[in-house]
Protein backbone atom coordinates (compact mmCIF):
# COMPACT_ATOMS: atom_id res chain seq x y z
CA MET A 1 -3.86 -25.90 -43.41
CA LEU A 2 -2.64 -28.11 -46.36
CA LYS A 3 -3.43 -31.75 -45.92
CA LEU A 4 0.10 -32.87 -46.25
CA ILE A 5 0.87 -30.76 -43.16
CA ARG A 6 -2.15 -31.95 -41.27
CA ASN A 7 -1.18 -35.52 -41.93
CA ALA A 8 2.31 -34.87 -40.57
CA ASN A 9 0.80 -33.67 -37.29
CA GLN A 10 -0.83 -37.00 -36.74
CA PHE A 11 2.42 -38.80 -36.37
CA PRO A 12 5.03 -36.44 -34.99
CA ASP A 13 7.28 -39.06 -33.41
CA ARG A 14 7.60 -41.20 -36.49
CA ARG A 15 10.67 -41.12 -38.55
CA ALA A 16 10.11 -38.98 -41.66
CA ILE A 17 13.46 -38.54 -43.38
CA VAL A 18 16.89 -40.18 -43.29
CA SER A 19 19.78 -38.20 -44.85
CA ASN A 20 23.38 -37.66 -44.19
CA GLY A 21 23.63 -40.27 -41.53
CA ARG A 22 20.73 -38.82 -39.40
CA SER A 23 17.11 -39.60 -38.85
CA TYR A 24 14.51 -36.83 -38.60
CA SER A 25 11.01 -37.07 -37.23
CA TYR A 26 7.84 -35.54 -38.66
CA GLN A 27 8.02 -33.11 -35.69
CA ASP A 28 11.44 -32.06 -36.80
CA LEU A 29 10.25 -31.49 -40.25
CA LEU A 30 7.19 -29.48 -39.06
CA MET A 31 9.36 -27.25 -36.74
CA THR A 32 12.11 -26.67 -39.26
CA SER A 33 9.74 -26.00 -42.17
CA ARG A 34 8.03 -23.46 -39.98
CA LYS A 35 11.38 -21.72 -39.34
CA VAL A 36 12.06 -21.58 -43.07
CA ALA A 37 8.54 -20.23 -43.75
CA SER A 38 9.02 -17.51 -41.17
CA GLY A 39 12.47 -16.62 -42.66
CA LEU A 40 10.94 -16.34 -46.04
CA LEU A 41 8.15 -14.24 -44.85
CA ALA A 42 10.48 -11.83 -43.09
CA GLY A 43 7.62 -9.99 -41.39
CA LYS A 44 5.08 -10.26 -44.22
CA ALA A 45 1.79 -12.08 -43.54
CA ASP A 46 1.86 -14.06 -46.75
CA LEU A 47 4.19 -14.47 -49.70
CA GLU A 48 0.97 -14.55 -51.89
CA GLU A 49 2.45 -16.97 -54.53
CA SER A 50 5.78 -15.46 -54.89
CA ARG A 51 8.04 -17.78 -56.88
CA VAL A 52 10.95 -19.04 -54.63
CA ALA A 53 13.68 -20.88 -56.62
CA PHE A 54 15.91 -23.06 -54.49
CA MET A 55 18.91 -25.33 -54.98
CA VAL A 56 19.85 -27.79 -52.19
CA ASP A 57 20.98 -31.34 -52.51
CA PRO A 58 18.43 -34.11 -51.72
CA SER A 59 18.24 -34.14 -47.99
CA PHE A 60 16.11 -33.31 -44.94
CA GLU A 61 17.05 -29.66 -45.67
CA TYR A 62 15.56 -29.89 -49.14
CA VAL A 63 12.26 -31.20 -47.76
CA ALA A 64 12.22 -28.58 -45.03
CA LEU A 65 12.67 -25.83 -47.65
CA GLN A 66 10.05 -27.15 -49.89
CA TRP A 67 7.51 -27.35 -47.07
CA GLY A 68 8.65 -23.96 -45.84
CA ILE A 69 7.92 -22.40 -49.21
CA TRP A 70 4.48 -23.97 -49.27
CA ARG A 71 3.68 -22.98 -45.65
CA SER A 72 4.65 -19.34 -46.32
CA GLY A 73 2.33 -19.11 -49.30
CA GLY A 74 5.02 -19.31 -51.92
CA ILE A 75 5.49 -21.26 -55.22
CA ALA A 76 8.36 -23.62 -55.08
CA VAL A 77 10.68 -23.70 -58.04
CA PRO A 78 13.29 -26.45 -57.51
CA LEU A 79 16.50 -26.06 -59.40
CA CYS A 80 18.56 -28.88 -60.84
CA VAL A 81 21.95 -29.22 -59.11
CA LEU A 82 23.56 -30.39 -62.43
CA HIS A 83 22.24 -27.74 -64.79
CA PRO A 84 24.58 -25.15 -66.27
CA LEU A 85 24.28 -21.44 -65.47
CA PRO A 86 22.30 -20.62 -68.67
CA SER A 87 19.78 -23.14 -67.89
CA LEU A 88 19.35 -21.77 -64.36
CA GLN A 89 19.05 -18.22 -65.67
CA TYR A 90 16.34 -19.33 -67.99
CA VAL A 91 14.32 -20.77 -65.18
CA LEU A 92 14.72 -17.68 -62.89
CA ASP A 93 13.74 -15.41 -65.74
CA ASN A 94 10.86 -17.64 -67.05
CA THR A 95 9.28 -17.95 -63.61
CA LYS A 96 10.00 -14.28 -62.59
CA ALA A 97 11.48 -15.66 -59.28
CA GLU A 98 11.44 -13.23 -56.47
CA ILE A 99 13.47 -15.24 -53.89
CA LEU A 100 16.45 -17.46 -54.56
CA VAL A 101 17.55 -19.81 -51.85
CA ALA A 102 20.78 -21.88 -52.05
CA SER A 103 22.79 -24.01 -49.60
CA GLU A 104 26.44 -22.96 -48.82
CA ARG A 105 27.59 -25.42 -51.52
CA TYR A 106 25.92 -23.56 -54.33
CA ALA A 107 25.72 -19.93 -52.97
CA THR A 108 28.84 -18.65 -54.66
CA PHE A 109 27.73 -20.12 -58.00
CA LEU A 110 24.18 -18.74 -57.73
CA GLU A 111 24.27 -15.43 -55.85
CA PRO A 112 25.68 -13.53 -59.02
CA LEU A 113 22.44 -14.40 -60.92
CA THR A 114 20.62 -12.06 -58.58
CA LYS A 115 22.73 -8.93 -59.21
CA ASP A 116 20.99 -7.78 -62.30
CA ARG A 117 17.56 -9.11 -61.22
CA ASP A 118 15.24 -8.04 -58.56
CA ILE A 119 15.69 -11.26 -56.61
CA ARG A 120 16.22 -11.60 -52.94
CA PHE A 121 19.08 -14.09 -52.15
CA LEU A 122 19.02 -16.26 -49.01
CA LYS A 123 21.28 -18.97 -47.72
CA ALA A 124 19.41 -22.08 -46.76
CA GLU A 125 21.49 -22.58 -43.56
CA ASP A 126 20.22 -19.17 -42.30
CA LEU A 127 16.59 -19.99 -43.02
CA LEU A 128 16.81 -23.25 -41.16
CA LEU A 129 17.62 -21.28 -38.04
CA ALA A 130 15.09 -18.56 -38.34
CA ASP A 131 12.76 -17.65 -35.44
CA PRO A 132 9.30 -19.14 -35.99
CA SER A 133 6.39 -16.89 -36.41
CA LEU A 134 2.65 -17.03 -37.32
CA LEU A 135 2.08 -18.51 -40.75
CA PRO A 136 -0.65 -17.78 -43.29
CA VAL A 137 -3.54 -20.02 -44.03
CA VAL A 138 -2.73 -21.67 -47.47
CA THR A 139 -5.70 -23.23 -49.32
CA PRO A 140 -5.52 -26.12 -51.84
CA ASN A 141 -6.62 -23.99 -54.77
CA ARG A 142 -3.32 -21.87 -54.57
CA ARG A 143 -0.43 -22.50 -57.01
CA ALA A 144 2.18 -24.57 -55.32
CA MET A 145 5.06 -25.48 -57.75
CA ILE A 146 6.62 -24.93 -61.15
CA LEU A 147 8.47 -27.75 -62.72
CA PHE A 148 10.05 -27.53 -66.17
CA THR A 149 9.60 -30.07 -69.02
CA SER A 150 12.76 -31.74 -70.56
CA GLY A 151 12.68 -29.43 -73.48
CA THR A 152 12.93 -32.08 -76.20
CA THR A 153 10.69 -30.09 -78.72
CA ASN A 154 11.86 -26.63 -77.82
CA LEU A 155 12.92 -24.66 -74.72
CA PRO A 156 11.69 -26.25 -71.45
CA LYS A 157 8.23 -25.09 -70.43
CA GLY A 158 7.30 -24.31 -66.80
CA VAL A 159 4.32 -26.38 -65.73
CA VAL A 160 2.32 -24.99 -62.81
CA THR A 161 0.46 -27.13 -60.33
CA THR A 162 -1.75 -26.16 -57.46
CA HIS A 163 -1.81 -27.79 -54.05
CA ARG A 164 -5.10 -29.46 -55.10
CA ASN A 165 -3.33 -30.88 -58.15
CA ILE A 166 -0.57 -32.39 -55.98
CA GLU A 167 -2.89 -33.72 -53.27
CA PHE A 168 -5.03 -35.53 -55.96
CA GLN A 169 -2.01 -37.09 -57.49
CA ILE A 170 -0.70 -38.19 -54.02
CA GLN A 171 -4.04 -39.66 -53.00
CA THR A 172 -4.27 -41.64 -56.25
CA LEU A 173 -0.84 -43.06 -55.93
CA VAL A 174 -1.18 -43.80 -52.30
CA GLU A 175 -4.26 -45.78 -52.98
CA ALA A 176 -2.95 -47.64 -56.11
CA TRP A 177 0.48 -48.47 -54.55
CA GLU A 178 -0.99 -49.29 -51.14
CA TRP A 179 1.36 -46.97 -49.17
CA ARG A 180 1.43 -47.66 -45.40
CA ALA A 181 3.00 -45.84 -42.50
CA GLU A 182 5.42 -48.82 -42.01
CA ASP A 183 6.90 -48.28 -45.47
CA HIS A 184 10.59 -47.13 -45.99
CA ILE A 185 11.67 -45.96 -49.50
CA LEU A 186 15.05 -45.08 -50.83
CA ASN A 187 14.75 -41.93 -53.02
CA ILE A 188 17.49 -41.66 -55.66
CA LEU A 189 15.46 -39.70 -58.27
CA PRO A 190 16.05 -36.14 -59.26
CA LEU A 191 14.11 -33.62 -57.06
CA HIS A 192 13.33 -31.11 -59.84
CA HIS A 193 11.01 -33.63 -61.54
CA VAL A 194 7.48 -34.89 -60.55
CA HIS A 195 8.40 -38.47 -59.96
CA GLY A 196 10.97 -37.91 -57.26
CA ILE A 197 9.07 -35.00 -55.54
CA VAL A 198 5.51 -36.30 -55.67
CA ASN A 199 5.47 -39.91 -56.50
CA VAL A 200 8.13 -40.99 -54.05
CA LEU A 201 8.85 -38.12 -51.39
CA SER A 202 5.39 -36.74 -51.04
CA CYS A 203 3.53 -40.04 -51.07
CA ALA A 204 5.80 -41.35 -48.31
CA LEU A 205 5.35 -38.25 -46.16
CA TRP A 206 1.57 -38.18 -46.75
CA SER A 207 1.37 -41.79 -45.36
CA GLY A 208 3.70 -41.38 -42.32
CA ALA A 209 6.23 -43.46 -43.99
CA CYS A 210 10.01 -42.76 -44.17
CA CYS A 211 11.95 -41.43 -47.11
CA GLU A 212 15.72 -41.92 -47.21
CA PHE A 213 18.30 -39.98 -49.39
CA LEU A 214 21.80 -40.91 -50.26
CA PRO A 215 24.70 -38.45 -50.26
CA LYS A 216 25.66 -39.91 -53.58
CA PHE A 217 24.08 -42.75 -55.59
CA ASP A 218 25.72 -46.11 -55.05
CA ALA A 219 24.19 -49.12 -56.82
CA GLU A 220 25.31 -51.50 -53.94
């Protein structure tokens, strides 16, 4: 079991996520991500590093999808909610994504991208309600995520990280920034880049702290 998941099992009743006016515990996150993983597996024993692209606004649902992808043995490919269609097509083709997940808000926009590609399209809302099943054992040496560079010198490049890479970065930052379970952080960073995903969200959840998302950025 991945250490991020093991850690969450140590504090099931603590508040993990605040989003859209609701609070979610670590137990909520563990249960919902297990449903997502089961829906992605659809009877398979293991996704075996299939690339799973997904587009969901920053929220509890985003985190449950990310964890569900990891728990099913897949590689998470988060899509930017602000990117134009050609940029999203590039990511799907470059990663050879096999599954595309989108919330209802983005489904009509994204589903046509799967028509001429061998990509399985799923709605996030359906995955969140899937029946839980047995999950594979995912080891740290497996590939976990593909994030894309900004593309300042040429086309953006997909950077692959393993679970071990991510765990090492989290552990380093948790120690340097002295994260504690009592911490509460507001995350207003993009969730298709490493800072928002690892440095803020994952560090908080590793530590038993709370990560809060806003429906829309407001400086006040």
